[in-house]
Amino acid sequence: MSPPVAIRPAEGLDDWDFIRKAWRATYLLGGPAVQGADRDHYFAEMTRLFAAIMPTAQARMGCDPEDPDNRLAFAVYSGDELRFVYVLQDFRRMGIVPALLENLEIKRFTFNTIQGARRLKPRDRGWLYTPRFTLP
């Protein structure tokens, strides 16, 4: 059974805005590195992070097959580095993440969340954790 999504490249500001908002909110809730962080500082640092990685990052969107503007999931990556992967709560455990990552040669991941580590099992895949939260 195929996952209930169409996979397409991220295009335009609406896709990247969805990515930015979902990533910031999700990592604040599930990223062990930022638990208890000052909210204003966290959002300022995440804004700086996005400005630094977006010029070289690529993303795949998981969308409703009948409405490509209805975004359900995304994976952001740069080369062999997986930056972040996200699926809306109601669409998890449906095989969307494997579809997003299909044919990518991921060797490293840069953000670690409790749910992501439990579900994606990056170490079992041989991926190396190389955090990129702090940038020059």
Protein backbone atom coordinates (compact mmCIF):
# COMPACT_ATOMS: atom_id res chain seq x y z
CA MET A 1 0.00 0.00 0.00
CA SER A 2 1.37 3.41 -0.98
CA PRO A 3 1.43 6.28 1.49
CA PRO A 4 -1.46 8.76 1.05
CA VAL A 5 0.78 11.51 -0.36
CA ALA A 6 2.26 12.90 -3.50
CA ILE A 7 5.95 13.81 -3.14
CA ARG A 8 7.17 16.98 -4.83
CA PRO A 9 10.06 19.43 -4.42
CA ALA A 10 9.49 22.43 -2.16
CA GLU A 11 8.75 25.46 -4.30
CA GLY A 12 8.12 29.04 -3.39
CA LEU A 13 7.60 30.96 -0.19
CA ASP A 14 4.43 29.15 0.90
CA ASP A 15 6.25 25.80 1.11
CA TRP A 16 9.23 27.28 2.93
CA ASP A 17 6.96 29.19 5.31
CA PHE A 18 5.15 25.93 6.18
CA ILE A 19 8.53 24.27 6.75
CA ARG A 20 9.85 27.10 8.93
CA LYS A 21 6.76 27.26 11.15
CA ALA A 22 6.38 23.50 11.61
CA TRP A 23 10.10 22.97 12.24
CA ARG A 24 10.36 25.75 14.83
CA ALA A 25 7.25 24.65 16.73
CA THR A 26 8.05 20.93 16.62
CA TYR A 27 11.68 21.23 17.65
CA LEU A 28 10.77 23.50 20.57
CA LEU A 29 8.45 20.76 21.88
CA GLY A 30 10.54 17.69 21.07
CA GLY A 31 14.17 18.70 20.81
CA PRO A 32 16.10 17.72 23.95
CA ALA A 33 18.75 20.35 23.21
CA VAL A 34 16.28 23.21 23.63
CA GLN A 35 14.08 21.97 26.48
CA GLY A 36 13.51 24.90 28.84
CA ALA A 37 15.06 27.45 26.48
CA ASP A 38 13.89 31.05 26.56
CA ARG A 39 11.20 31.25 23.84
CA ASP A 40 12.25 34.60 22.40
CA HIS A 41 15.88 33.51 22.22
CA TYR A 42 14.91 30.18 20.66
CA PHE A 43 12.82 31.80 17.91
CA ALA A 44 15.55 34.38 17.18
CA GLU A 45 18.17 31.61 16.87
CA MET A 46 15.93 29.46 14.69
CA THR A 47 15.29 32.44 12.40
CA ARG A 48 19.07 32.87 12.10
CA LEU A 49 19.47 29.16 11.42
CA PHE A 50 16.93 29.20 8.59
CA ALA A 51 18.61 32.21 6.99
CA ALA A 52 21.93 30.32 7.06
CA ILE A 53 20.80 26.94 5.72
CA MET A 54 18.04 27.83 3.27
CA PRO A 55 20.35 28.95 0.43
CA THR A 56 21.81 25.43 0.15
CA ALA A 57 18.98 23.30 1.54
CA GLN A 58 16.56 21.30 -0.54
CA ALA A 59 13.21 19.98 0.58
CA ARG A 60 10.62 17.48 -0.46
CA MET A 61 6.98 18.05 0.37
CA GLY A 62 4.43 15.35 1.07
CA CYS A 63 1.09 16.65 -0.14
CA ASP A 64 -2.48 15.57 -0.62
CA PRO A 65 -2.44 13.83 -4.04
CA GLU A 66 -5.53 15.75 -5.08
CA ASP A 67 -4.36 19.13 -3.75
CA PRO A 68 -0.59 19.81 -3.91
CA ASP A 69 -1.06 22.97 -1.81
CA ASN A 70 -2.33 20.86 1.11
CA ARG A 71 1.00 20.14 2.79
CA LEU A 72 1.16 17.09 5.07
CA ALA A 73 4.89 16.53 5.52
CA PHE A 74 8.39 17.60 4.53
CA ALA A 75 12.02 16.54 4.61
CA VAL A 76 14.78 19.16 4.46
CA TYR A 77 18.24 18.04 3.44
CA SER A 78 21.57 19.30 2.13
CA GLY A 79 23.59 16.74 0.24
CA ASP A 80 23.86 13.67 2.46
CA GLU A 81 22.64 15.51 5.57
CA LEU A 82 19.05 15.22 6.72
CA ARG A 83 18.21 18.52 8.38
CA PHE A 84 14.67 17.78 9.58
CA VAL A 85 11.70 15.64 8.75
CA TYR A 86 8.12 16.36 9.79
CA VAL A 87 4.69 14.80 9.30
CA LEU A 88 1.40 16.27 10.52
CA GLN A 89 0.13 14.31 13.53
CA ASP A 90 -2.90 12.77 11.76
CA PHE A 91 -0.71 11.35 8.96
CA ARG A 92 2.06 9.70 10.97
CA ARG A 93 2.77 5.97 10.72
CA MET A 94 1.49 5.80 7.15
CA GLY A 95 4.82 5.37 5.37
CA ILE A 96 5.23 9.04 4.44
CA VAL A 97 8.78 9.47 5.77
CA PRO A 98 10.21 6.58 3.72
CA ALA A 99 8.53 8.09 0.65
CA LEU A 100 10.08 11.50 1.41
CA LEU A 101 13.54 9.98 1.84
CA GLU A 102 13.39 7.58 -1.11
CA ASN A 103 16.59 7.65 -3.21
CA LEU A 104 18.33 10.13 -0.91
CA GLU A 105 21.83 9.08 0.17
CA ILE A 106 21.49 10.24 3.79
CA LYS A 107 24.56 9.62 5.96
CA ARG A 108 24.10 12.26 8.68
CA PHE A 109 21.30 13.99 10.54
CA THR A 110 21.55 17.42 12.13
CA PHE A 111 18.50 17.75 14.41
CA ASN A 112 17.47 15.17 16.96
CA THR A 113 14.04 14.89 18.54
CA ILE A 114 12.76 12.25 20.92
CA GLN A 115 9.99 11.11 18.54
CA GLY A 116 12.27 11.29 15.51
CA ALA A 117 14.92 9.10 17.13
CA ARG A 118 12.31 6.58 18.27
CA ARG A 119 10.48 6.34 14.95
CA LEU A 120 13.18 6.95 12.36
CA LYS A 121 15.96 5.05 14.21
CA PRO A 122 18.79 7.00 12.56
CA ARG A 123 21.56 5.08 14.34
CA ASP A 124 20.13 1.77 13.11
CA ARG A 125 20.43 3.21 9.60
CA GLY A 126 24.08 4.02 10.21
CA TRP A 127 23.50 7.78 10.21
CA LEU A 128 25.89 9.95 12.19
CA TYR A 129 24.46 12.73 14.38
CA THR A 130 26.17 16.00 13.42
CA PRO A 131 24.28 18.86 15.12
CA ARG A 132 24.10 22.15 13.26
CA PHE A 133 22.01 24.21 15.66
CA THR A 134 24.84 26.61 16.49
CA LEU A 135 26.22 28.43 13.47
CA PRO A 136 28.91 31.11 13.17
